[in-house]
N, C-alpha and C. Protein backbone atom coordinates (compact mmCIF):
# COMPACT_ATOMS: atom_id res chain seq x y z
N UNK A 1 58.27 77.78 118.05
CA UNK A 1 59.45 77.23 117.46
C UNK A 1 59.82 77.78 116.16
N UNK A 2 58.69 78.39 115.42
CA UNK A 2 59.07 79.19 114.05
C UNK A 2 59.92 80.31 114.27
N UNK A 3 59.59 80.87 115.34
CA UNK A 3 60.48 82.19 115.57
C UNK A 3 61.93 81.60 115.72
N UNK A 4 62.38 80.74 116.48
CA UNK A 4 63.61 80.08 116.85
C UNK A 4 64.40 79.53 115.49
N UNK A 5 63.53 78.90 114.66
CA UNK A 5 63.92 78.40 113.45
C UNK A 5 64.21 79.54 112.40
N UNK A 6 63.72 80.65 112.60
CA UNK A 6 63.95 81.90 111.64
C UNK A 6 65.08 82.42 112.09
N UNK A 7 65.36 82.43 113.36
CA UNK A 7 66.60 83.04 113.81
C UNK A 7 67.83 82.32 113.56
N UNK A 8 67.69 80.87 113.65
CA UNK A 8 68.75 79.96 113.37
C UNK A 8 68.83 79.90 111.92
N UNK A 9 67.91 80.08 110.89
CA UNK A 9 67.90 80.25 109.45
C UNK A 9 68.75 81.25 108.98
N UNK A 10 68.98 82.42 109.84
CA UNK A 10 69.71 83.59 109.47
C UNK A 10 71.13 83.24 109.44
N UNK A 11 71.66 82.45 110.60
CA UNK A 11 72.92 82.05 110.61
C UNK A 11 73.41 80.70 109.73
N UNK A 12 72.53 79.69 109.87
CA UNK A 12 72.75 78.40 109.03
C UNK A 12 72.43 78.68 107.67
N UNK A 13 71.66 79.57 107.07
CA UNK A 13 71.44 79.86 105.58
C UNK A 13 72.50 80.63 105.18
N UNK A 14 73.12 81.71 105.80
CA UNK A 14 74.29 82.35 105.28
C UNK A 14 75.37 81.41 105.35
N UNK A 15 75.64 80.49 106.35
CA UNK A 15 76.74 79.58 106.31
C UNK A 15 76.95 78.56 105.11
N UNK A 16 75.59 78.02 105.05
CA UNK A 16 75.34 77.00 103.86
C UNK A 16 75.42 77.50 102.53
N UNK A 17 74.92 78.98 102.44
CA UNK A 17 75.19 79.60 101.07
C UNK A 17 76.64 79.99 100.82
N UNK A 18 77.40 80.38 101.78
CA UNK A 18 78.87 80.50 101.49
C UNK A 18 79.45 79.14 101.41
N UNK A 19 79.08 78.15 101.97
CA UNK A 19 79.52 76.70 101.67
C UNK A 19 79.19 76.42 100.04
N UNK A 20 78.03 76.70 99.73
CA UNK A 20 77.85 76.40 98.29
C UNK A 20 78.68 77.34 97.44
N UNK A 21 78.92 78.44 97.77
CA UNK A 21 79.67 79.49 96.77
C UNK A 21 81.32 78.71 96.68
N UNK A 22 81.70 78.22 98.07
CA UNK A 22 83.06 77.72 98.06
C UNK A 22 83.01 76.38 97.30
N UNK A 23 81.95 75.74 97.13
CA UNK A 23 82.01 74.14 96.51
C UNK A 23 81.84 74.53 95.10
N UNK A 24 80.98 75.57 94.67
CA UNK A 24 81.09 76.00 93.11
C UNK A 24 82.52 76.48 92.81
N UNK A 25 83.40 77.32 93.50
CA UNK A 25 84.43 77.76 93.06
C UNK A 25 85.51 76.45 93.13
N UNK A 26 85.31 75.31 93.80
CA UNK A 26 86.30 74.42 93.89
C UNK A 26 85.89 73.42 92.51
N UNK A 27 84.69 73.40 92.16
CA UNK A 27 84.35 72.68 91.12
C UNK A 27 84.57 73.31 89.81
N UNK A 28 84.95 74.58 89.91
CA UNK A 28 85.43 75.32 88.48
C UNK A 28 84.29 76.25 88.03
N UNK A 29 83.08 76.38 88.79
CA UNK A 29 82.19 77.20 88.33
C UNK A 29 82.67 78.51 88.61
N UNK A 30 82.45 79.53 87.54
CA UNK A 30 83.03 80.80 87.71
C UNK A 30 82.30 81.86 86.84
N UNK A 31 81.09 81.72 86.74
CA UNK A 31 80.03 82.46 86.26
C UNK A 31 79.40 83.07 87.25
N UNK A 32 78.68 84.39 87.21
CA UNK A 32 77.81 84.93 88.36
C UNK A 32 76.69 84.15 88.68
N UNK A 33 76.02 83.60 87.39
CA UNK A 33 74.75 82.91 87.54
C UNK A 33 75.16 81.54 88.34
N UNK A 34 76.32 80.61 87.97
CA UNK A 34 76.52 79.71 88.69
C UNK A 34 76.73 79.86 89.94
N UNK A 35 77.46 80.62 90.37
CA UNK A 35 77.67 81.03 91.99
C UNK A 35 76.48 81.41 92.64
N UNK A 36 75.52 82.01 92.02
CA UNK A 36 74.25 82.62 92.36
C UNK A 36 73.44 81.26 92.65
N UNK A 37 73.53 80.15 91.70
CA UNK A 37 72.50 79.10 91.95
C UNK A 37 73.24 78.24 93.19
N UNK A 38 74.34 78.22 93.17
CA UNK A 38 74.83 77.30 94.24
C UNK A 38 74.59 77.85 95.65
N UNK A 39 74.61 79.19 95.67
CA UNK A 39 74.38 79.90 97.03
C UNK A 39 72.92 79.81 97.40
N UNK A 40 71.95 80.09 96.23
CA UNK A 40 70.53 79.52 96.47
C UNK A 40 70.19 78.19 97.04
N UNK A 41 70.93 77.24 96.47
CA UNK A 41 70.67 75.80 96.68
C UNK A 41 71.31 75.71 98.22
N UNK A 42 72.22 76.34 98.74
CA UNK A 42 72.71 76.17 100.13
C UNK A 42 71.75 76.71 101.03
N UNK A 43 71.17 78.09 100.64
CA UNK A 43 70.21 78.82 101.33
C UNK A 43 68.74 77.95 101.49
N UNK A 44 68.39 77.43 100.63
CA UNK A 44 67.29 76.42 100.56
C UNK A 44 67.44 75.34 101.46
N UNK A 45 68.78 74.74 101.44
CA UNK A 45 68.93 73.42 102.08
C UNK A 45 68.86 73.88 103.75
N UNK A 46 69.27 75.01 104.00
CA UNK A 46 69.25 75.49 105.34
C UNK A 46 67.84 75.50 105.93
N UNK A 47 66.72 75.50 105.28
CA UNK A 47 65.58 75.56 105.80
C UNK A 47 65.18 74.28 106.71
N UNK A 48 65.13 72.97 105.91
CA UNK A 48 65.13 71.95 106.95
C UNK A 48 66.17 71.73 107.89
N UNK A 49 67.09 72.10 107.88
CA UNK A 49 68.32 71.92 108.92
C UNK A 49 68.08 72.82 110.03
N UNK A 50 67.81 74.03 109.64
CA UNK A 50 67.49 75.01 110.85
C UNK A 50 66.06 74.52 111.63
N UNK A 51 65.23 73.83 110.92
CA UNK A 51 63.95 73.44 111.65
C UNK A 51 64.37 72.27 112.47
N UNK A 52 65.15 71.28 112.00
CA UNK A 52 65.77 70.21 112.96
C UNK A 52 66.46 70.70 113.94
N UNK A 53 67.31 71.67 113.87
CA UNK A 53 68.21 72.48 115.00
C UNK A 53 66.92 72.92 116.05
N UNK A 54 66.17 73.64 115.64
CA UNK A 54 65.00 74.04 116.49
C UNK A 54 64.45 72.93 117.28
N UNK A 55 63.96 72.10 116.80
CA UNK A 55 63.18 70.68 117.22
C UNK A 55 64.25 70.34 118.39
N UNK A 56 65.45 70.24 117.94
CA UNK A 56 66.46 69.56 119.05
C UNK A 56 66.38 70.53 120.35
N UNK A 57 66.55 71.82 120.05
CA UNK A 57 66.61 73.00 121.01
C UNK A 57 65.66 72.96 121.87
N UNK A 58 64.34 72.62 121.30
CA UNK A 58 63.16 72.76 122.11
C UNK A 58 62.95 71.52 122.82
N UNK A 59 63.53 70.52 122.45
CA UNK A 59 63.16 69.19 123.22
C UNK A 59 64.29 69.13 124.41
N UNK A 60 64.99 69.83 124.47
CA UNK A 60 65.96 69.82 125.77
C UNK A 60 65.35 70.64 126.95
């Protein structure tokens, strides 16, 4: 299951990092460090999300 979660994290992590950057731009953050921090937060949030998705896929 760890391998599936890792593969899913490639896609989910990049998507949520992009969502974090869009959220930063919408809220008015326009510094490089601010955008980077929002992207990192989205990437970190993707770990439990990808783990849960992998659990659901294995349960089927």
